[in-house]
C-alpha atoms as a PDB file:
ATOM      1  CA  MET A   1      -0.166  -0.083  -0.218  1.00  0.00           C
ATOM      2  CA  GLU A   2       1.467   3.248  -1.019  1.00  0.00           C
ATOM      3  CA  ASN A   3       1.028   6.256   1.322  1.00  0.00           C
ATOM      4  CA  GLN A   4       1.836   9.887   0.172  1.00  0.00           C
ATOM      5  CA  LYS A   5       1.825  13.117   1.983  1.00  0.00           C
ATOM      6  CA  ALA A   6       0.543  15.847  -0.005  1.00  0.00           C
ATOM      7  CA  THR A   7      -0.168  19.505   0.289  1.00  0.00           C
ATOM      8  CA  LYS A   8      -2.750  20.041  -2.631  1.00  0.00           C
ATOM      9  CA  LYS A   9      -5.775  21.939  -1.826  1.00  0.00           C
ATOM     10  CA  GLU A  10      -9.103  20.773  -2.777  1.00  0.00           C
ATOM     11  CA  GLY A  11     -12.476  21.819  -1.681  1.00  0.00           C
ATOM     12  CA  GLY A  12     -11.071  24.011   0.670  1.00  0.00           C
ATOM     13  CA  ASN A  13      -9.639  21.174   2.757  1.00  0.00           C
ATOM     14  CA  ARG A  14      -5.953  20.292   2.390  1.00  0.00           C
ATOM     15  CA  ILE A  15      -5.041  16.648   1.654  1.00  0.00           C
ATOM     16  CA  VAL A  16      -2.606  15.598   4.311  1.00  0.00           C
ATOM     17  CA  GLU A  17      -2.382  11.902   3.017  1.00  0.00           C
ATOM     18  CA  THR A  18      -2.991   9.477   0.070  1.00  0.00           C
ATOM     19  CA  VAL A  19      -3.602   6.264   0.407  1.00  0.00           C
ATOM     20  CA  ARG A  20      -3.231   4.109  -2.957  1.00  0.00           C
ATOM     21  CA  GLU A  21      -3.282   0.517  -4.601  1.00  0.00           C
ATOM     22  CA  GLY A  22      -3.108   0.417  -8.048  1.00  0.00           C
ATOM     23  CA  ALA A  23      -5.788   2.821  -9.625  1.00  0.00           C
ATOM     24  CA  ILE A  24      -7.640   3.053  -6.463  1.00  0.00           C
ATOM     25  CA  GLY A  25      -6.607   5.844  -4.212  1.00  0.00           C
ATOM     26  CA  ALA A  26      -8.180   7.781  -1.026  1.00  0.00           C
ATOM     27  CA  ASN A  27      -7.139  11.315   0.142  1.00  0.00           C
ATOM     28  CA  ILE A  28      -7.334  11.983   3.655  1.00  0.00           C
ATOM     29  CA  ARG A  29      -8.213  15.457   4.868  1.00  0.00           C
ATOM     30  CA  VAL A  30      -8.747  17.170   8.188  1.00  0.00           C
ATOM     31  CA  GLY A  31     -12.309  18.252   8.882  1.00  0.00           C
ATOM     32  CA  GLN A  32     -14.176  20.240  11.350  1.00  0.00           C
ATOM     33  CA  SER A  33     -17.487  19.496  12.976  1.00  0.00           C
ATOM     34  CA  SER A  34     -19.868  22.041  13.963  1.00  0.00           C
ATOM     35  CA  ASP A  35     -19.022  21.876  17.468  1.00  0.00           C
ATOM     36  CA  GLY A  36     -15.257  22.544  16.494  1.00  0.00           C
ATOM     37  CA  ASN A  37     -13.770  19.239  16.808  1.00  0.00           C
ATOM     38  CA  LEU A  38     -11.262  18.515  14.153  1.00  0.00           C
ATOM     39  CA  GLY A  39     -10.989  14.899  12.642  1.00  0.00           C
ATOM     40  CA  HIS A  40      -9.725  13.230   9.445  1.00  0.00           C
ATOM     41  CA  TYR A  41     -11.923  11.610   6.960  1.00  0.00           C
ATOM     42  CA  PHE A  42     -11.373  10.138   3.322  1.00  0.00           C
ATOM     43  CA  SER A  43     -12.574  10.116  -0.064  1.00  0.00           C
ATOM     44  CA  ILE A  44     -12.101   7.577  -2.533  1.00  0.00           C
ATOM     45  CA  SER A  45     -11.510   7.617  -6.274  1.00  0.00           C
ATOM     46  CA  ARG A  46     -10.465   5.525  -9.272  1.00  0.00           C
ATOM     47  CA  ALA A  47      -7.642   6.739 -11.851  1.00  0.00           C
ATOM     48  CA  TRP A  48      -7.889   6.191 -15.447  1.00  0.00           C
ATOM     49  CA  LYS A  49      -6.633   6.910 -18.709  1.00  0.00           C
ATOM     50  CA  ARG A  50      -8.594   7.518 -22.059  1.00  0.00           C
ATOM     51  CA  GLN A  51      -7.305   5.576 -24.668  1.00  0.00           C
ATOM     52  CA  GLY A  52      -4.958   7.710 -27.083  1.00  0.00           C
ATOM     53  CA  THR A  53      -4.279  10.217 -24.459  1.00  0.00           C
ATOM     54  CA  ASP A  54      -1.655  10.456 -21.492  1.00  0.00           C
ATOM     55  CA  LYS A  55      -3.861  12.538 -19.335  1.00  0.00           C
ATOM     56  CA  TRP A  56      -5.307  11.081 -16.038  1.00  0.00           C
ATOM     57  CA  PHE A  57      -9.003  11.097 -15.357  1.00  0.00           C
ATOM     58  CA  TYR A  58     -10.690  10.423 -11.754  1.00  0.00           C
ATOM     59  CA  SER A  59     -13.982   8.844 -11.187  1.00  0.00           C
ATOM     60  CA  ASP A  60     -16.098   8.094  -8.094  1.00  0.00           C
ATOM     61  CA  ARG A  61     -17.655   5.025  -9.900  1.00  0.00           C
ATOM     62  CA  PHE A  62     -16.669   1.533  -9.274  1.00  0.00           C
ATOM     63  CA  TYR A  63     -17.274  -1.835 -10.790  1.00  0.00           C
ATOM     64  CA  PRO A  64     -17.517  -5.523  -9.254  1.00  0.00           C
ATOM     65  CA  ARG A  65     -13.780  -5.893 -10.490  1.00  0.00           C
ATOM     66  CA  HIS A  66     -12.819  -3.243  -8.067  1.00  0.00           C
ATOM     67  CA  ALA A  67     -14.120  -4.355  -4.896  1.00  0.00           C
ATOM     68  CA  GLU A  68     -11.260  -6.159  -3.447  1.00  0.00           C
ATOM     69  CA  LEU A  69      -8.825  -3.185  -3.928  1.00  0.00           C
ATOM     70  CA  LEU A  70     -11.791  -0.767  -2.966  1.00  0.00           C
ATOM     71  CA  ALA A  71     -11.953  -2.684   0.459  1.00  0.00           C
ATOM     72  CA  LYS A  72      -8.524  -2.798   1.052  1.00  0.00           C
ATOM     73  CA  VAL A  73      -7.876   1.153   0.047  1.00  0.00           C
ATOM     74  CA  ALA A  74     -10.958   1.848   2.615  1.00  0.00           C
ATOM     75  CA  THR A  75      -9.500  -0.122   5.323  1.00  0.00           C
ATOM     76  CA  GLU A  76      -6.158   1.566   5.185  1.00  0.00           C
ATOM     77  CA  ALA A  77      -7.563   5.010   4.988  1.00  0.00           C
ATOM     78  CA  ALA A  78      -9.703   4.418   7.910  1.00  0.00           C
ATOM     79  CA  GLU A  79      -7.139   2.835  10.015  1.00  0.00           C
ATOM     80  CA  ARG A  80      -4.814   5.777   8.792  1.00  0.00           C
ATOM     81  CA  CYS A  81      -7.330   8.376   9.907  1.00  0.00           C
ATOM     82  CA  ASP A  82      -7.848   6.784  13.326  1.00  0.00           C
ATOM     83  CA  ARG A  83      -3.914   7.013  13.847  1.00  0.00           C
ATOM     84  CA  LEU A  84      -4.021  10.647  12.724  1.00  0.00           C
ATOM     85  CA  ASP A  85      -7.152  11.401  14.967  1.00  0.00           C
ATOM     86  CA  LYS A  86      -4.984   9.985  18.058  1.00  0.00           C
ATOM     87  CA  GLU A  87      -2.044  12.219  17.177  1.00  0.00           C
ATOM     88  CA  LEU A  88      -4.212  15.275  16.913  1.00  0.00           C
ATOM     89  CA  ASP A  89      -5.719  14.450  20.193  1.00  0.00           C
ATOM     90  CA  ALA A  90      -2.494  14.094  21.544  1.00  0.00           C
ATOM     91  CA  GLU A  91      -1.546  17.326  20.106  1.00  0.00           C
ATOM     92  CA  GLN A  92      -4.599  19.093  21.583  1.00  0.00           C
ATOM     93  CA  ASP A  93      -4.272  17.444  25.040  1.00  0.00           C
ATOM     94  CA  PRO A  94      -0.402  17.067  25.826  1.00  0.00           C
ATOM     95  CA  VAL A  95      -1.128  17.184  29.428  1.00  0.00           C
ATOM     96  CA  GLU A  96      -3.179  14.204  29.447  1.00  0.00           C
ATOM     97  CA  GLU A  97      -0.633  12.270  26.968  1.00  0.00           C
ATOM     98  CA  ALA A  98       2.043  12.778  29.565  1.00  0.00           C
ATOM     99  CA  ALA A  99       0.053  11.301  32.312  1.00  0.00           C
END
């Protein structure tokens, strides 16, 4: 599984990491809830090229043949979000972490 750190802005939320397996990738971002809490979430897309071009396109459509990789990427992205949330919590509550 490939993890990449990124700084690309998309939709006002910075992508903090990308988890990729083949053509399936998950972008992880930090979001803020209405009560002000920060947490990580992910969105998944599939990269593809149109025949005869070198340009990459991205889709949120998946077919049955993508199910295995989709599950693998979703699981890895969710686990990574959990780890990033724990790191975020530790940064916000350094006294509790030291105790």
